[in-house]
Amino acid sequence: MREGFTPTQTAMLKVLSDGLPHSKAELHACLPDEMGPLKNISRHLGEIRKALRPRGQDVLCEYRDRARLYRWVRLLGHEGDG
């Protein structure tokens, strides 16, 4: 899907690509070891964010009904937007 991302990160980006909020459980399903703890997604999201931010994009964390959700967004006013 995207150059420079691991297969796990690519799977997460595929889930997030619709621009809608997604749960930790949905992103956890992208990990190769389904028995790993939910906190394992944090490391992958951190690396994804490092790659996306220079491109004017990010993965934001939202809270809704006491649940943490993640959404892939395009940032406003990025220098590369023209």
N, C-alpha and C. Protein backbone atom coordinates (compact mmCIF):
# COMPACT_ATOMS: atom_id res chain seq x y z
N MET A 1 0.82 -1.20 0.00
CA MET A 1 0.00 0.00 0.00
C MET A 1 0.86 1.26 0.00
N ARG A 2 1.79 1.38 0.95
CA ARG A 2 2.63 2.56 1.05
C ARG A 2 4.08 2.14 1.24
N GLU A 3 4.96 2.84 0.55
CA GLU A 3 6.38 2.55 0.69
C GLU A 3 6.89 2.99 2.05
N GLY A 4 7.82 2.23 2.59
CA GLY A 4 8.45 2.59 3.85
C GLY A 4 7.73 2.14 5.09
N PHE A 5 6.62 1.45 4.94
CA PHE A 5 5.89 0.95 6.09
C PHE A 5 6.03 -0.57 6.17
N THR A 6 6.02 -1.08 7.39
CA THR A 6 6.06 -2.52 7.60
C THR A 6 4.72 -3.12 7.17
N PRO A 7 4.65 -4.43 7.00
CA PRO A 7 3.36 -5.05 6.68
C PRO A 7 2.28 -4.76 7.72
N THR A 8 2.65 -4.73 9.00
CA THR A 8 1.68 -4.44 10.05
C THR A 8 1.19 -3.00 9.94
N GLN A 9 2.11 -2.07 9.72
CA GLN A 9 1.73 -0.66 9.58
C GLN A 9 0.87 -0.46 8.33
N THR A 10 1.19 -1.15 7.27
CA THR A 10 0.39 -1.08 6.05
C THR A 10 -1.02 -1.58 6.31
N ALA A 11 -1.15 -2.65 7.07
CA ALA A 11 -2.48 -3.17 7.40
C ALA A 11 -3.26 -2.17 8.24
N MET A 12 -2.59 -1.50 9.18
CA MET A 12 -3.25 -0.49 9.99
C MET A 12 -3.70 0.69 9.13
N LEU A 13 -2.84 1.11 8.21
CA LEU A 13 -3.20 2.22 7.33
C LEU A 13 -4.38 1.85 6.43
N LYS A 14 -4.45 0.61 6.04
CA LYS A 14 -5.59 0.16 5.22
C LYS A 14 -6.89 0.29 6.01
N VAL A 15 -6.86 -0.09 7.28
CA VAL A 15 -8.04 0.05 8.14
C VAL A 15 -8.40 1.53 8.29
N LEU A 16 -7.40 2.37 8.51
CA LEU A 16 -7.62 3.79 8.76
C LEU A 16 -7.91 4.60 7.49
N SER A 17 -7.70 4.02 6.33
CA SER A 17 -7.77 4.76 5.07
C SER A 17 -9.15 5.34 4.75
N ASP A 18 -10.20 4.88 5.41
CA ASP A 18 -11.53 5.42 5.14
C ASP A 18 -11.79 6.76 5.84
N GLY A 19 -10.85 7.19 6.70
CA GLY A 19 -10.99 8.47 7.38
C GLY A 19 -11.95 8.45 8.55
N LEU A 20 -12.49 7.29 8.87
CA LEU A 20 -13.42 7.16 10.00
C LEU A 20 -12.66 6.75 11.25
N PRO A 21 -13.23 6.98 12.43
CA PRO A 21 -12.56 6.55 13.66
C PRO A 21 -12.63 5.03 13.82
N HIS A 22 -11.51 4.47 14.31
CA HIS A 22 -11.42 3.01 14.51
C HIS A 22 -10.90 2.71 15.90
N SER A 23 -11.37 1.61 16.46
CA SER A 23 -11.02 1.22 17.83
C SER A 23 -9.65 0.56 17.88
N LYS A 24 -9.14 0.49 19.11
CA LYS A 24 -7.88 -0.23 19.34
C LYS A 24 -8.01 -1.68 18.90
N ALA A 25 -9.16 -2.28 19.13
CA ALA A 25 -9.37 -3.68 18.77
C ALA A 25 -9.24 -3.88 17.26
N GLU A 26 -9.77 -2.93 16.48
CA GLU A 26 -9.66 -3.04 15.02
C GLU A 26 -8.20 -2.96 14.57
N LEU A 27 -7.43 -2.08 15.20
CA LEU A 27 -6.02 -1.96 14.84
C LEU A 27 -5.22 -3.14 15.39
N HIS A 28 -5.61 -3.64 16.54
CA HIS A 28 -4.93 -4.80 17.13
C HIS A 28 -5.06 -6.01 16.22
N ALA A 29 -6.17 -6.11 15.51
CA ALA A 29 -6.37 -7.23 14.58
C ALA A 29 -5.35 -7.22 13.44
N CYS A 30 -4.68 -6.11 13.22
CA CYS A 30 -3.66 -6.00 12.17
C CYS A 30 -2.31 -6.58 12.61
N LEU A 31 -2.13 -6.78 13.91
CA LEU A 31 -0.86 -7.29 14.42
C LEU A 31 -0.70 -8.77 14.07
N PRO A 32 0.52 -9.19 13.80
CA PRO A 32 0.73 -10.59 13.45
C PRO A 32 0.48 -11.55 14.61
N ASP A 33 0.61 -11.06 15.85
CA ASP A 33 0.38 -11.90 17.03
C ASP A 33 -0.88 -11.41 17.73
N GLU A 34 -1.99 -12.06 17.46
CA GLU A 34 -3.26 -11.62 18.03
C GLU A 34 -3.32 -11.79 19.54
N MET A 35 -2.35 -12.49 20.12
CA MET A 35 -2.32 -12.68 21.57
C MET A 35 -1.54 -11.56 22.26
N GLY A 36 -0.88 -10.71 21.50
CA GLY A 36 -0.12 -9.62 22.08
C GLY A 36 -1.04 -8.60 22.73
N PRO A 37 -0.52 -7.82 23.69
CA PRO A 37 -1.36 -6.83 24.36
C PRO A 37 -1.75 -5.68 23.44
N LEU A 38 -2.87 -5.03 23.77
CA LEU A 38 -3.35 -3.90 22.97
C LEU A 38 -2.32 -2.77 22.89
N LYS A 39 -1.48 -2.65 23.92
CA LYS A 39 -0.50 -1.56 23.92
C LYS A 39 0.52 -1.70 22.80
N ASN A 40 0.60 -2.86 22.16
CA ASN A 40 1.54 -3.04 21.05
C ASN A 40 1.20 -2.14 19.86
N ILE A 41 -0.04 -1.71 19.75
CA ILE A 41 -0.38 -0.85 18.62
C ILE A 41 0.25 0.53 18.77
N SER A 42 0.56 0.95 19.98
CA SER A 42 1.14 2.28 20.22
C SER A 42 2.46 2.46 19.50
N ARG A 43 3.31 1.46 19.54
CA ARG A 43 4.61 1.55 18.88
C ARG A 43 4.43 1.71 17.37
N HIS A 44 3.53 0.94 16.81
CA HIS A 44 3.29 1.02 15.37
C HIS A 44 2.69 2.38 14.99
N LEU A 45 1.74 2.86 15.79
CA LEU A 45 1.15 4.16 15.50
C LEU A 45 2.18 5.28 15.61
N GLY A 46 3.09 5.16 16.55
CA GLY A 46 4.15 6.16 16.68
C GLY A 46 5.01 6.25 15.43
N GLU A 47 5.37 5.10 14.87
CA GLU A 47 6.17 5.08 13.64
C GLU A 47 5.37 5.58 12.44
N ILE A 48 4.11 5.23 12.39
CA ILE A 48 3.25 5.72 11.31
C ILE A 48 3.15 7.24 11.38
N ARG A 49 2.95 7.76 12.57
CA ARG A 49 2.83 9.23 12.74
C ARG A 49 4.11 9.94 12.30
N LYS A 50 5.26 9.39 12.65
CA LYS A 50 6.54 10.00 12.25
C LYS A 50 6.65 10.12 10.74
N ALA A 51 6.14 9.13 10.03
CA ALA A 51 6.20 9.14 8.56
C ALA A 51 5.13 10.03 7.95
N LEU A 52 3.97 10.12 8.57
CA LEU A 52 2.86 10.88 7.99
C LEU A 52 2.97 12.38 8.23
N ARG A 53 3.48 12.80 9.37
CA ARG A 53 3.49 14.23 9.72
C ARG A 53 4.23 15.09 8.71
N PRO A 54 5.40 14.69 8.21
CA PRO A 54 6.06 15.52 7.19
C PRO A 54 5.24 15.63 5.90
N ARG A 55 4.31 14.73 5.70
CA ARG A 55 3.44 14.74 4.51
C ARG A 55 2.14 15.52 4.74
N GLY A 56 2.02 16.14 5.92
CA GLY A 56 0.82 16.90 6.22
C GLY A 56 -0.36 16.03 6.64
N GLN A 57 -0.06 14.86 7.20
CA GLN A 57 -1.09 13.92 7.65
C GLN A 57 -0.76 13.47 9.06
N ASP A 58 -1.72 12.85 9.73
CA ASP A 58 -1.49 12.35 11.08
C ASP A 58 -2.55 11.31 11.42
N VAL A 59 -2.31 10.58 12.48
CA VAL A 59 -3.32 9.69 13.06
C VAL A 59 -3.67 10.31 14.41
N LEU A 60 -4.91 10.78 14.51
CA LEU A 60 -5.36 11.43 15.73
C LEU A 60 -6.10 10.46 16.62
N CYS A 61 -6.04 10.75 17.90
CA CYS A 61 -6.75 9.97 18.90
C CYS A 61 -7.98 10.76 19.31
N GLU A 62 -9.13 10.11 19.29
CA GLU A 62 -10.40 10.72 19.70
C GLU A 62 -10.98 9.90 20.84
N TYR A 63 -11.74 10.58 21.68
CA TYR A 63 -12.45 9.87 22.75
C TYR A 63 -13.94 10.04 22.52
N ARG A 64 -14.64 8.92 22.48
CA ARG A 64 -16.08 8.93 22.28
C ARG A 64 -16.70 7.82 23.12
N ASP A 65 -17.66 8.18 23.94
CA ASP A 65 -18.32 7.21 24.81
C ASP A 65 -17.32 6.38 25.61
N ARG A 66 -16.35 7.08 26.17
CA ARG A 66 -15.29 6.47 27.01
C ARG A 66 -14.41 5.48 26.26
N ALA A 67 -14.38 5.60 24.95
CA ALA A 67 -13.54 4.71 24.14
C ALA A 67 -12.52 5.55 23.37
N ARG A 68 -11.32 5.04 23.25
CA ARG A 68 -10.28 5.69 22.47
C ARG A 68 -10.36 5.19 21.04
N LEU A 69 -10.45 6.13 20.11
CA LEU A 69 -10.55 5.80 18.69
C LEU A 69 -9.44 6.52 17.93
N TYR A 70 -9.08 5.97 16.79
CA TYR A 70 -8.00 6.53 15.97
C TYR A 70 -8.52 6.84 14.58
N ARG A 71 -8.07 8.01 14.06
CA ARG A 71 -8.52 8.46 12.74
C ARG A 71 -7.33 9.04 11.98
N TRP A 72 -7.20 8.65 10.72
CA TRP A 72 -6.17 9.18 9.82
C TRP A 72 -6.71 10.45 9.19
N VAL A 73 -5.98 11.56 9.34
CA VAL A 73 -6.47 12.86 8.87
C VAL A 73 -5.38 13.57 8.05
N ARG A 74 -5.85 14.51 7.27
CA ARG A 74 -4.97 15.43 6.55
C ARG A 74 -4.97 16.72 7.34
N LEU A 75 -3.78 17.27 7.62
CA LEU A 75 -3.67 18.47 8.43
C LEU A 75 -3.87 19.72 7.58
N LEU A 76 -4.50 20.72 8.14
CA LEU A 76 -4.72 21.98 7.43
C LEU A 76 -3.45 22.83 7.44
N GLY A 77 -3.29 23.61 6.40
CA GLY A 77 -2.19 24.57 6.36
C GLY A 77 -0.82 23.97 6.25
N HIS A 78 -0.69 22.79 5.70
CA HIS A 78 0.62 22.18 5.53
C HIS A 78 1.33 22.85 4.36
N GLU A 79 2.64 23.12 4.51
CA GLU A 79 3.41 23.83 3.49
C GLU A 79 3.37 23.15 2.13
N GLY A 80 3.30 21.84 2.10
CA GLY A 80 3.30 21.11 0.86
C GLY A 80 1.95 21.08 0.14
N ASP A 81 0.94 21.74 0.71
CA ASP A 81 -0.39 21.73 0.10
C ASP A 81 -0.52 22.65 -1.11
N GLY A 82 0.44 23.54 -1.30
CA GLY A 82 0.40 24.40 -2.47
C GLY A 82 -0.26 25.65 -2.18
